[in-house]
Amino acid sequence: MNHLELEKRLNAELAPHLIKDYCPNGLQVEGKEQVRKIVTGVTASKALIEYAVQVQADAILVHHGYFWKGEAAEIRGMKGARIRQLVKNDINLYAYHLPLDVHPSLGNNAQLAALLDIEVLGGLEPTPQSVAMYGRLKHPMTGKELANKIAQVLTRTPLHIEPEYNAEQVIETIGWCTGGGQDFIELAASQGLDAFISGEISERTTYSAREQNIHYFAAGHHATERYGVKALGEWLSREYKLDVEFVDIDNPV
């Protein structure tokens, strides 16, 4: 497939024009015109690029790409080394950030809900493109049981902050936002949810959970965002018969 046609089809599915983001979505670094082999991963790290070079991929598709708002514009150091590798090997880099978080079936939040048996009820924010979601556990359980389930599903032990009162009460309603969505706990608590899951945690999140009487689970930024880009790659393979390989570069955060 032509590299620009691939971007067009990804944009049609993910609709990046509908959401304000912190980085450009779509084709970030242009490479060869024809794309046959695609490597997908969470972040366009040096290790992922080196793997793509090794397997002679024509494109890399990630959730975390480059050119973030507020970052230095100069192409030097680590950033320069990464981009030189892409250009030298004529590899296209496609990146989709928030559009891949919010997609109703392929997105990180949708994929996490499916993995954890959560029935999606809607967005936490009062907007059509809410990044954080809320829903109901199909099988209500205690906080300790949910922590164990997260650990089994994501192969990563979550940090579980229990509420001050009724910590053993069964969790039924839940909010979540993959990645760095810890501050959405305020919305989850204000809407009376029993629990909230995100990838990362901040120092303040502990007190928010305890004092607002809501279970909180920090399940890992990388661990909660593996599944959107993986699902997107599988969709490309299914719909357009492209050779797509997901590569999980381990990250403990």
C-alpha atoms as a PDB file:
ATOM      1  CA  MET A   1       0.000   0.000   0.000  1.00  0.00           C
ATOM      2  CA  ASN A   2       1.186   3.541  -0.725  1.00  0.00           C
ATOM      3  CA  HIS A   3       2.422   5.211   2.472  1.00  0.00           C
ATOM      4  CA  LEU A   4       0.107   8.202   2.070  1.00  0.00           C
ATOM      5  CA  GLU A   5      -2.868   5.963   1.354  1.00  0.00           C
ATOM      6  CA  LEU A   6      -2.077   4.080   4.569  1.00  0.00           C
ATOM      7  CA  GLU A   7      -2.163   7.351   6.510  1.00  0.00           C
ATOM      8  CA  LYS A   8      -5.462   8.248   4.861  1.00  0.00           C
ATOM      9  CA  ARG A   9      -7.059   4.960   5.915  1.00  0.00           C
ATOM     10  CA  LEU A  10      -5.709   5.194   9.463  1.00  0.00           C
ATOM     11  CA  ASN A  11      -7.048   8.748   9.728  1.00  0.00           C
ATOM     12  CA  ALA A  12     -10.439   7.659   8.438  1.00  0.00           C
ATOM     13  CA  GLU A  13     -10.655   5.012  11.172  1.00  0.00           C
ATOM     14  CA  LEU A  14      -9.174   6.996  14.090  1.00  0.00           C
ATOM     15  CA  ALA A  15     -10.511  10.496  13.211  1.00  0.00           C
ATOM     16  CA  PRO A  16      -7.624  12.539  14.710  1.00  0.00           C
ATOM     17  CA  HIS A  17      -9.253  15.758  13.468  1.00  0.00           C
ATOM     18  CA  LEU A  18     -11.949  15.378  16.136  1.00  0.00           C
ATOM     19  CA  ILE A  19      -9.649  15.602  19.157  1.00  0.00           C
ATOM     20  CA  LYS A  20      -7.142  18.182  20.382  1.00  0.00           C
ATOM     21  CA  ASP A  21      -3.822  16.508  21.145  1.00  0.00           C
ATOM     22  CA  TYR A  22      -0.297  17.241  22.386  1.00  0.00           C
ATOM     23  CA  CYS A  23       1.465  15.969  19.267  1.00  0.00           C
ATOM     24  CA  PRO A  24       0.854  15.530  15.526  1.00  0.00           C
ATOM     25  CA  ASN A  25      -1.120  12.388  14.693  1.00  0.00           C
ATOM     26  CA  GLY A  26      -0.498  10.460  11.503  1.00  0.00           C
ATOM     27  CA  LEU A  27       2.668  10.201   9.415  1.00  0.00           C
ATOM     28  CA  GLN A  28       5.395  11.881  11.503  1.00  0.00           C
ATOM     29  CA  VAL A  29       8.502  10.810   9.566  1.00  0.00           C
ATOM     30  CA  GLU A  30       8.167   9.986   5.869  1.00  0.00           C
ATOM     31  CA  GLY A  31       9.922   6.970   4.378  1.00  0.00           C
ATOM     32  CA  LYS A  32       9.532   4.741   1.336  1.00  0.00           C
ATOM     33  CA  GLU A  33       6.423   4.979  -0.823  1.00  0.00           C
ATOM     34  CA  GLN A  34       5.297   1.342  -0.655  1.00  0.00           C
ATOM     35  CA  VAL A  35       4.456  -0.259   2.694  1.00  0.00           C
ATOM     36  CA  ARG A  36       4.330  -4.040   2.998  1.00  0.00           C
ATOM     37  CA  LYS A  37       5.804  -4.847   6.417  1.00  0.00           C
ATOM     38  CA  ILE A  38       4.727  -2.881   9.519  1.00  0.00           C
ATOM     39  CA  VAL A  39       6.078  -3.136  13.051  1.00  0.00           C
ATOM     40  CA  THR A  40       3.789  -1.863  15.822  1.00  0.00           C
ATOM     41  CA  GLY A  41       4.677  -0.972  19.407  1.00  0.00           C
ATOM     42  CA  VAL A  42       3.802   1.349  22.260  1.00  0.00           C
ATOM     43  CA  THR A  43       6.674   3.823  21.851  1.00  0.00           C
ATOM     44  CA  ALA A  44       9.021   4.697  18.982  1.00  0.00           C
ATOM     45  CA  SER A  45      12.095   3.910  21.038  1.00  0.00           C
ATOM     46  CA  LYS A  46      15.583   3.118  19.733  1.00  0.00           C
ATOM     47  CA  ALA A  47      15.005  -0.571  20.480  1.00  0.00           C
ATOM     48  CA  LEU A  48      11.792  -0.671  18.423  1.00  0.00           C
ATOM     49  CA  ILE A  49      13.458   1.116  15.493  1.00  0.00           C
ATOM     50  CA  GLU A  50      16.401  -1.285  15.587  1.00  0.00           C
ATOM     51  CA  TYR A  51      14.002  -4.225  15.489  1.00  0.00           C
ATOM     52  CA  ALA A  52      12.163  -2.709  12.508  1.00  0.00           C
ATOM     53  CA  VAL A  53      15.480  -2.298  10.690  1.00  0.00           C
ATOM     54  CA  GLN A  54      16.399  -5.909  11.486  1.00  0.00           C
ATOM     55  CA  VAL A  55      13.194  -7.319   9.977  1.00  0.00           C
ATOM     56  CA  GLN A  56      13.295  -4.838   7.055  1.00  0.00           C
ATOM     57  CA  ALA A  57      10.013  -3.161   7.941  1.00  0.00           C
ATOM     58  CA  ASP A  58       8.715  -0.368   5.742  1.00  0.00           C
ATOM     59  CA  ALA A  59       6.816   1.361   8.541  1.00  0.00           C
ATOM     60  CA  ILE A  60       6.504   1.638  12.297  1.00  0.00           C
ATOM     61  CA  LEU A  61       3.130   2.367  13.919  1.00  0.00           C
ATOM     62  CA  VAL A  62       3.079   3.496  17.555  1.00  0.00           C
ATOM     63  CA  HIS A  63       1.016   5.166  20.267  1.00  0.00           C
ATOM     64  CA  HIS A  64       3.870   7.373  21.514  1.00  0.00           C
ATOM     65  CA  GLY A  65       5.674   9.077  18.661  1.00  0.00           C
ATOM     66  CA  TYR A  66       7.627  12.334  18.479  1.00  0.00           C
ATOM     67  CA  PHE A  67       7.256  16.140  18.382  1.00  0.00           C
ATOM     68  CA  TRP A  68       5.370  16.626  21.646  1.00  0.00           C
ATOM     69  CA  LYS A  69       4.076  20.034  22.634  1.00  0.00           C
ATOM     70  CA  GLY A  70       6.720  21.849  24.668  1.00  0.00           C
ATOM     71  CA  GLU A  71       9.652  19.635  23.690  1.00  0.00           C
ATOM     72  CA  ALA A  72      12.806  21.129  22.166  1.00  0.00           C
ATOM     73  CA  ALA A  73      12.518  21.516  18.395  1.00  0.00           C
ATOM     74  CA  GLU A  74      16.150  20.661  17.653  1.00  0.00           C
ATOM     75  CA  ILE A  75      16.818  17.232  16.130  1.00  0.00           C
ATOM     76  CA  ARG A  76      19.851  16.231  18.184  1.00  0.00           C
ATOM     77  CA  GLY A  77      20.885  13.825  20.937  1.00  0.00           C
ATOM     78  CA  MET A  78      18.501  10.909  21.533  1.00  0.00           C
ATOM     79  CA  LYS A  79      15.833  12.438  19.281  1.00  0.00           C
ATOM     80  CA  GLY A  80      18.346  12.981  16.487  1.00  0.00           C
ATOM     81  CA  ALA A  81      19.677   9.419  16.732  1.00  0.00           C
ATOM     82  CA  ARG A  82      16.195   7.965  16.456  1.00  0.00           C
ATOM     83  CA  ILE A  83      15.199  10.080  13.468  1.00  0.00           C
ATOM     84  CA  ARG A  84      18.524   9.445  11.687  1.00  0.00           C
ATOM     85  CA  GLN A  85      17.863   5.704  11.946  1.00  0.00           C
ATOM     86  CA  LEU A  86      14.409   6.104  10.425  1.00  0.00           C
ATOM     87  CA  VAL A  87      15.636   8.320   7.585  1.00  0.00           C
ATOM     88  CA  LYS A  88      18.730   6.223   6.885  1.00  0.00           C
ATOM     89  CA  ASN A  89      16.582   3.091   6.526  1.00  0.00           C
ATOM     90  CA  ASP A  90      13.719   4.832   4.702  1.00  0.00           C
ATOM     91  CA  ILE A  91      11.157   3.781   7.357  1.00  0.00           C
ATOM     92  CA  ASN A  92       7.825   5.566   7.754  1.00  0.00           C
ATOM     93  CA  LEU A  93       6.775   6.453  11.308  1.00  0.00           C
ATOM     94  CA  TYR A  94       3.064   6.733  12.067  1.00  0.00           C
ATOM     95  CA  ALA A  95       1.865   7.750  15.542  1.00  0.00           C
ATOM     96  CA  TYR A  96      -1.604   8.102  17.057  1.00  0.00           C
ATOM     97  CA  HIS A  97      -1.914   9.321  20.630  1.00  0.00           C
ATOM     98  CA  LEU A  98      -5.316  10.391  22.020  1.00  0.00           C
ATOM     99  CA  PRO A  99      -7.216   9.151  18.929  1.00  0.00           C
ATOM    100  CA  LEU A 100      -5.970   5.673  19.808  1.00  0.00           C
ATOM    101  CA  ASP A 101      -6.974   6.090  23.454  1.00  0.00           C
ATOM    102  CA  VAL A 102     -10.590   6.952  22.677  1.00  0.00           C
ATOM    103  CA  HIS A 103     -11.461   4.698  19.718  1.00  0.00           C
ATOM    104  CA  PRO A 104     -14.607   2.766  20.747  1.00  0.00           C
ATOM    105  CA  SER A 105     -13.284  -0.678  19.805  1.00  0.00           C
ATOM    106  CA  LEU A 106      -9.572  -0.493  18.929  1.00  0.00           C
ATOM    107  CA  GLY A 107      -8.628   2.096  21.552  1.00  0.00           C
ATOM    108  CA  ASN A 108      -6.558   1.536  24.673  1.00  0.00           C
ATOM    109  CA  ASN A 109      -9.514   2.179  26.974  1.00  0.00           C
ATOM    110  CA  ALA A 110     -11.830  -0.135  25.030  1.00  0.00           C
ATOM    111  CA  GLN A 111      -9.226  -2.883  24.905  1.00  0.00           C
ATOM    112  CA  LEU A 112      -8.496  -2.610  28.641  1.00  0.00           C
ATOM    113  CA  ALA A 113     -12.221  -2.799  29.414  1.00  0.00           C
ATOM    114  CA  ALA A 114     -12.539  -5.989  27.363  1.00  0.00           C
ATOM    115  CA  LEU A 115      -9.529  -7.554  29.093  1.00  0.00           C
ATOM    116  CA  LEU A 116     -10.875  -6.747  32.564  1.00  0.00           C
ATOM    117  CA  ASP A 117     -14.516  -7.688  31.822  1.00  0.00           C
ATOM    118  CA  ILE A 118     -15.851  -4.155  32.222  1.00  0.00           C
ATOM    119  CA  GLU A 119     -19.134  -3.143  30.592  1.00  0.00           C
ATOM    120  CA  VAL A 120     -18.546   0.311  29.072  1.00  0.00           C
ATOM    121  CA  LEU A 121     -21.309   2.776  29.985  1.00  0.00           C
ATOM    122  CA  GLY A 122     -19.856   6.058  28.724  1.00  0.00           C
ATOM    123  CA  GLY A 123     -17.285   8.807  29.120  1.00  0.00           C
ATOM    124  CA  LEU A 124     -16.340  10.398  32.438  1.00  0.00           C
ATOM    125  CA  GLU A 125     -16.012  13.810  30.797  1.00  0.00           C
ATOM    126  CA  PRO A 126     -19.115  15.629  29.501  1.00  0.00           C
ATOM    127  CA  THR A 127     -17.774  15.636  25.913  1.00  0.00           C
ATOM    128  CA  PRO A 128     -18.270  13.287  22.945  1.00  0.00           C
ATOM    129  CA  GLN A 129     -14.518  12.535  22.909  1.00  0.00           C
ATOM    130  CA  SER A 130     -13.966  11.813  26.600  1.00  0.00           C
ATOM    131  CA  VAL A 131     -10.534  10.304  27.212  1.00  0.00           C
ATOM    132  CA  ALA A 132     -11.552   8.673  30.513  1.00  0.00           C
ATOM    133  CA  MET A 133     -14.379   6.128  30.652  1.00  0.00           C
ATOM    134  CA  TYR A 134     -16.705   4.592  33.209  1.00  0.00           C
ATOM    135  CA  GLY A 135     -18.581   1.346  33.404  1.00  0.00           C
ATOM    136  CA  ARG A 136     -19.575  -1.635  35.497  1.00  0.00           C
ATOM    137  CA  LEU A 137     -17.683  -4.799  36.352  1.00  0.00           C
ATOM    138  CA  LYS A 138     -19.464  -7.777  34.812  1.00  0.00           C
ATOM    139  CA  HIS A 139     -18.430  -9.739  37.888  1.00  0.00           C
ATOM    140  CA  PRO A 140     -18.272  -7.474  40.986  1.00  0.00           C
ATOM    141  CA  MET A 141     -15.338  -8.197  43.297  1.00  0.00           C
ATOM    142  CA  THR A 142     -13.361  -6.785  46.197  1.00  0.00           C
ATOM    143  CA  GLY A 143     -10.409  -4.467  45.727  1.00  0.00           C
ATOM    144  CA  LYS A 144      -7.939  -7.242  46.480  1.00  0.00           C
ATOM    145  CA  GLU A 145      -9.635  -9.519  43.956  1.00  0.00           C
ATOM    146  CA  LEU A 146      -9.544  -6.813  41.290  1.00  0.00           C
ATOM    147  CA  ALA A 147      -5.857  -6.148  41.978  1.00  0.00           C
ATOM    148  CA  ASN A 148      -5.181  -9.866  41.472  1.00  0.00           C
ATOM    149  CA  LYS A 149      -7.174  -9.878  38.226  1.00  0.00           C
ATOM    150  CA  ILE A 150      -5.248  -6.867  36.881  1.00  0.00           C
ATOM    151  CA  ALA A 151      -1.966  -8.562  37.767  1.00  0.00           C
ATOM    152  CA  GLN A 152      -2.979 -11.753  35.954  1.00  0.00           C
ATOM    153  CA  VAL A 153      -4.291 -10.001  32.843  1.00  0.00           C
ATOM    154  CA  LEU A 154      -1.516  -7.418  32.418  1.00  0.00           C
ATOM    155  CA  THR A 155       1.289  -9.545  33.905  1.00  0.00           C
ATOM    156  CA  ARG A 156       2.121  -6.539  36.086  1.00  0.00           C
ATOM    157  CA  THR A 157       1.301  -6.159  39.780  1.00  0.00           C
ATOM    158  CA  PRO A 158      -0.682  -2.909  40.204  1.00  0.00           C
ATOM    159  CA  LEU A 159      -0.268  -0.445  43.047  1.00  0.00           C
ATOM    160  CA  HIS A 160      -3.568  -0.574  44.946  1.00  0.00           C
ATOM    161  CA  ILE A 161      -4.578   2.370  47.149  1.00  0.00           C
ATOM    162  CA  GLU A 162      -7.531   1.498  49.359  1.00  0.00           C
ATOM    163  CA  PRO A 163     -10.160   4.016  50.546  1.00  0.00           C
ATOM    164  CA  GLU A 164     -10.285   5.071  54.197  1.00  0.00           C
ATOM    165  CA  TYR A 165     -13.656   3.408  54.795  1.00  0.00           C
ATOM    166  CA  ASN A 166     -15.321   0.186  53.647  1.00  0.00           C
ATOM    167  CA  ALA A 167     -12.197  -1.081  51.871  1.00  0.00           C
ATOM    168  CA  GLU A 168     -13.651  -4.610  51.775  1.00  0.00           C
ATOM    169  CA  GLN A 169     -16.867  -3.522  50.077  1.00  0.00           C
ATOM    170  CA  VAL A 170     -17.477  -5.128  46.675  1.00  0.00           C
ATOM    171  CA  ILE A 171     -16.567  -2.980  43.654  1.00  0.00           C
ATOM    172  CA  GLU A 172     -19.318  -2.670  41.065  1.00  0.00           C
ATOM    173  CA  THR A 173     -18.846   0.668  39.256  1.00  0.00           C
ATOM    174  CA  ILE A 174     -15.471   1.717  37.909  1.00  0.00           C
ATOM    175  CA  GLY A 175     -13.740   4.446  35.934  1.00  0.00           C
ATOM    176  CA  TRP A 176     -10.496   4.120  33.993  1.00  0.00           C
ATOM    177  CA  CYS A 177      -8.029   5.928  31.764  1.00  0.00           C
ATOM    178  CA  THR A 178      -4.951   4.185  30.411  1.00  0.00           C
ATOM    179  CA  GLY A 179      -1.527   5.820  30.581  1.00  0.00           C
ATOM    180  CA  GLY A 180      -1.091   9.058  32.496  1.00  0.00           C
ATOM    181  CA  GLY A 181      -4.753   9.503  33.396  1.00  0.00           C
ATOM    182  CA  GLN A 182      -4.455   9.522  37.178  1.00  0.00           C
ATOM    183  CA  ASP A 183      -6.053  12.950  37.673  1.00  0.00           C
ATOM    184  CA  PHE A 184      -9.351  11.688  36.262  1.00  0.00           C
ATOM    185  CA  ILE A 185      -9.796  10.080  39.685  1.00  0.00           C
ATOM    186  CA  GLU A 186     -11.412  13.358  40.757  1.00  0.00           C
ATOM    187  CA  LEU A 187     -14.186  12.923  38.187  1.00  0.00           C
ATOM    188  CA  ALA A 188     -14.595   9.263  39.111  1.00  0.00           C
ATOM    189  CA  ALA A 189     -14.964  10.133  42.793  1.00  0.00           C
ATOM    190  CA  SER A 190     -17.364  13.012  42.101  1.00  0.00           C
ATOM    191  CA  GLN A 191     -19.599  10.629  40.147  1.00  0.00           C
ATOM    192  CA  GLY A 192     -19.701   8.156  43.031  1.00  0.00           C
ATOM    193  CA  LEU A 193     -17.774   5.333  41.367  1.00  0.00           C
ATOM    194  CA  ASP A 194     -16.341   2.566  43.519  1.00  0.00           C
ATOM    195  CA  ALA A 195     -12.921   2.407  41.855  1.00  0.00           C
ATOM    196  CA  PHE A 196     -10.603   4.010  39.309  1.00  0.00           C
ATOM    197  CA  ILE A 197      -7.769   2.551  37.213  1.00  0.00           C
ATOM    198  CA  SER A 198      -5.022   4.395  35.358  1.00  0.00           C
ATOM    199  CA  GLY A 199      -1.509   3.632  34.210  1.00  0.00           C
ATOM    200  CA  GLU A 200       0.520   6.099  36.240  1.00  0.00           C
ATOM    201  CA  ILE A 201       0.132   7.493  39.748  1.00  0.00           C
ATOM    202  CA  SER A 202       1.135  10.854  41.227  1.00  0.00           C
ATOM    203  CA  GLU A 203       1.924  11.595  44.856  1.00  0.00           C
ATOM    204  CA  ARG A 204      -1.399  13.433  45.201  1.00  0.00           C
ATOM    205  CA  THR A 205      -3.385  10.487  43.856  1.00  0.00           C
ATOM    206  CA  THR A 206      -2.915   8.526  47.071  1.00  0.00           C
ATOM    207  CA  TYR A 207      -4.671  11.175  49.131  1.00  0.00           C
ATOM    208  CA  SER A 208      -7.399  11.625  46.517  1.00  0.00           C
ATOM    209  CA  ALA A 209      -8.241   7.945  46.733  1.00  0.00           C
ATOM    210  CA  ARG A 210      -8.133   7.687  50.511  1.00  0.00           C
ATOM    211  CA  GLU A 211      -9.992  10.897  51.306  1.00  0.00           C
ATOM    212  CA  GLN A 212     -12.654  10.516  48.606  1.00  0.00           C
ATOM    213  CA  ASN A 213     -13.233   6.882  49.549  1.00  0.00           C
ATOM    214  CA  ILE A 214     -12.494   5.279  46.197  1.00  0.00           C
ATOM    215  CA  HIS A 215     -10.263   2.329  45.312  1.00  0.00           C
ATOM    216  CA  TYR A 216      -7.390   3.279  43.018  1.00  0.00           C
ATOM    217  CA  PHE A 217      -5.191   1.023  40.892  1.00  0.00           C
ATOM    218  CA  ALA A 218      -2.017   2.178  39.119  1.00  0.00           C
ATOM    219  CA  ALA A 219      -1.496  -0.608  36.576  1.00  0.00           C
ATOM    220  CA  GLY A 220       1.442   0.778  34.569  1.00  0.00           C
ATOM    221  CA  HIS A 221       1.525   3.309  31.725  1.00  0.00           C
ATOM    222  CA  HIS A 222       3.098   0.858  29.299  1.00  0.00           C
ATOM    223  CA  ALA A 223       1.114  -2.146  30.516  1.00  0.00           C
ATOM    224  CA  THR A 224      -2.255  -0.430  30.068  1.00  0.00           C
ATOM    225  CA  GLU A 225      -1.365   0.920  26.608  1.00  0.00           C
ATOM    226  CA  ARG A 226      -0.015  -2.180  24.886  1.00  0.00           C
ATOM    227  CA  TYR A 227      -3.362  -3.264  23.555  1.00  0.00           C
ATOM    228  CA  GLY A 228      -4.645  -0.378  21.450  1.00  0.00           C
ATOM    229  CA  VAL A 229      -1.787  -0.293  18.972  1.00  0.00           C
ATOM    230  CA  LYS A 230      -1.755  -4.099  18.919  1.00  0.00           C
ATOM    231  CA  ALA A 231      -5.466  -4.129  18.032  1.00  0.00           C
ATOM    232  CA  LEU A 232      -4.924  -1.424  15.409  1.00  0.00           C
ATOM    233  CA  GLY A 233      -2.212  -3.501  13.763  1.00  0.00           C
ATOM    234  CA  GLU A 234      -4.443  -6.566  13.754  1.00  0.00           C
ATOM    235  CA  TRP A 235      -7.179  -4.470  12.142  1.00  0.00           C
ATOM    236  CA  LEU A 236      -4.765  -3.379   9.379  1.00  0.00           C
ATOM    237  CA  SER A 237      -3.751  -6.980   8.780  1.00  0.00           C
ATOM    238  CA  ARG A 238      -7.367  -8.131   8.682  1.00  0.00           C
ATOM    239  CA  GLU A 239      -8.755  -5.327   6.503  1.00  0.00           C
ATOM    240  CA  TYR A 240      -5.848  -4.728   4.115  1.00  0.00           C
ATOM    241  CA  LYS A 241      -3.802  -7.942   4.218  1.00  0.00           C
ATOM    242  CA  LEU A 242      -0.664  -6.114   5.347  1.00  0.00           C
ATOM    243  CA  ASP A 243       2.136  -7.931   7.155  1.00  0.00           C
ATOM    244  CA  VAL A 244       1.932  -6.490  10.695  1.00  0.00           C
ATOM    245  CA  GLU A 245       3.950  -7.556  13.741  1.00  0.00           C
ATOM    246  CA  PHE A 246       3.447  -6.267  17.290  1.00  0.00           C
ATOM    247  CA  VAL A 247       6.632  -5.962  19.339  1.00  0.00           C
ATOM    248  CA  ASP A 248       6.425  -5.448  23.093  1.00  0.00           C
ATOM    249  CA  ILE A 249       9.554  -3.600  24.248  1.00  0.00           C
ATOM    250  CA  ASP A 250       9.357  -4.126  28.019  1.00  0.00           C
ATOM    251  CA  ASN A 251       8.955  -1.001  30.143  1.00  0.00           C
ATOM    252  CA  PRO A 252       8.398  -1.219  33.929  1.00  0.00           C
ATOM    253  CA  VAL A 253       6.660   2.173  34.133  1.00  0.00           C
END
